[in-house]
């Protein structure tokens, strides 16, 4: 009886893990959006990303700008946070390869 219960429980937990595994990926990809909305949106409108004299001309310069501004604002982001914000901006505005 206990063995059946444990097997059923393990089966249920493995299905639950599969069901929620995509959510983990979505949470990671939304982290960049969350960081941007909480720390950058106040000063940045979409127009700042569309202007002709943008400093971000490729992925490397985009990450450099995110790094520069998070440092200026003393946000103390980890490299992963900088990359997530860069990915968010790239997906939303820049579309660099």
Protein backbone atom coordinates (compact mmCIF):
# COMPACT_ATOMS: atom_id res chain seq x y z
CA UNK A 1 0.00 0.00 0.00
CA UNK A 2 2.72 2.50 0.96
CA UNK A 3 4.73 1.48 -2.09
CA UNK A 4 1.77 2.23 -4.38
CA UNK A 5 1.32 5.60 -2.70
CA UNK A 6 5.00 6.49 -3.15
CA UNK A 7 5.00 5.43 -6.81
CA UNK A 8 1.87 7.52 -7.42
CA UNK A 9 3.38 10.47 -5.63
CA UNK A 10 6.60 10.27 -7.64
CA UNK A 11 4.62 10.01 -10.87
CA UNK A 12 2.53 13.04 -9.93
CA UNK A 13 5.60 15.08 -8.99
CA UNK A 14 7.34 14.25 -12.26
CA UNK A 15 4.27 15.34 -14.23
CA UNK A 16 4.02 18.54 -12.21
CA UNK A 17 7.68 19.29 -12.91
CA UNK A 18 7.10 18.83 -16.64
CA UNK A 19 4.00 21.00 -16.55
CA UNK A 20 5.78 23.90 -14.90
CA UNK A 21 9.18 23.66 -16.59
CA UNK A 22 8.20 26.12 -19.35
CA UNK A 23 7.18 28.65 -16.70
CA UNK A 24 10.75 28.75 -15.41
CA UNK A 25 12.01 29.77 -18.85
CA UNK A 26 9.31 32.43 -19.10
CA UNK A 27 10.20 33.81 -15.68
CA UNK A 28 13.86 34.12 -16.67
CA UNK A 29 12.99 35.85 -19.95
CA UNK A 30 10.63 38.21 -18.13
CA UNK A 31 13.31 39.18 -15.61
CA UNK A 32 14.86 41.59 -18.12
CA UNK A 33 11.49 43.23 -18.68
CA UNK A 34 10.89 43.49 -14.95
CA UNK A 35 14.30 45.04 -14.29
CA UNK A 36 13.86 47.50 -17.15
CA UNK A 37 10.36 48.48 -16.05
CA UNK A 38 11.43 48.97 -12.44
CA UNK A 39 14.69 50.84 -13.00
CA UNK A 40 14.78 52.32 -16.52
CA UNK A 41 11.25 53.02 -17.75
CA UNK A 42 10.90 56.13 -15.60
CA UNK A 43 13.38 58.01 -17.79
CA UNK A 44 13.18 56.01 -21.01
CA UNK A 45 10.27 56.07 -23.37
CA UNK A 46 10.19 53.95 -26.49
CA UNK A 47 11.33 57.01 -28.41
CA UNK A 48 14.79 56.88 -26.82
CA UNK A 49 15.33 53.49 -28.46
CA UNK A 50 14.19 54.70 -31.88
CA UNK A 51 16.26 57.88 -32.19
CA UNK A 52 18.78 58.17 -35.01
CA UNK A 53 21.80 58.81 -32.80
CA UNK A 54 21.41 55.68 -30.69
CA UNK A 55 24.57 54.49 -28.98
CA UNK A 56 23.52 50.86 -29.34
CA UNK A 57 24.49 49.72 -32.82
CA UNK A 58 25.00 46.00 -32.13
CA UNK A 59 24.68 43.48 -29.30
CA UNK A 60 28.05 44.39 -27.77
CA UNK A 61 27.28 48.12 -27.62
CA UNK A 62 23.77 47.43 -26.30
CA UNK A 63 25.18 45.42 -23.39
CA UNK A 64 27.78 48.15 -22.85
CA UNK A 65 25.01 50.77 -22.53
CA UNK A 66 23.02 48.62 -20.11
CA UNK A 67 26.22 48.09 -18.10
CA UNK A 68 27.01 51.81 -18.11
CA UNK A 69 23.55 52.87 -16.96
CA UNK A 70 23.19 50.25 -14.27
CA UNK A 71 26.54 51.42 -12.94
CA UNK A 72 25.48 55.09 -13.14
CA UNK A 73 22.34 54.28 -11.16
CA UNK A 74 24.31 52.12 -8.67
CA UNK A 75 22.03 49.15 -9.28
CA UNK A 76 24.77 46.58 -8.69
CA UNK A 77 23.30 44.13 -11.23
CA UNK A 78 24.97 40.83 -11.87
CA UNK A 79 26.14 39.99 -15.40
CA UNK A 80 23.06 37.78 -15.86
CA UNK A 81 20.78 40.73 -15.04
CA UNK A 82 22.58 42.94 -17.55
CA UNK A 83 22.26 40.26 -20.22
CA UNK A 84 18.56 39.78 -19.46
CA UNK A 85 17.84 43.49 -19.81
CA UNK A 86 19.90 43.52 -23.00
CA UNK A 87 17.89 40.59 -24.38
CA UNK A 88 14.64 42.32 -23.46
CA UNK A 89 15.69 45.54 -25.20
CA UNK A 90 16.96 43.63 -28.21
CA UNK A 91 13.68 41.69 -28.52
CA UNK A 92 11.56 44.81 -28.08
CA UNK A 93 13.46 47.46 -30.03
CA UNK A 94 16.79 46.67 -31.64
CA UNK A 95 16.57 43.21 -33.19
CA UNK A 96 20.33 42.67 -33.47
CA UNK A 97 21.47 39.20 -34.48
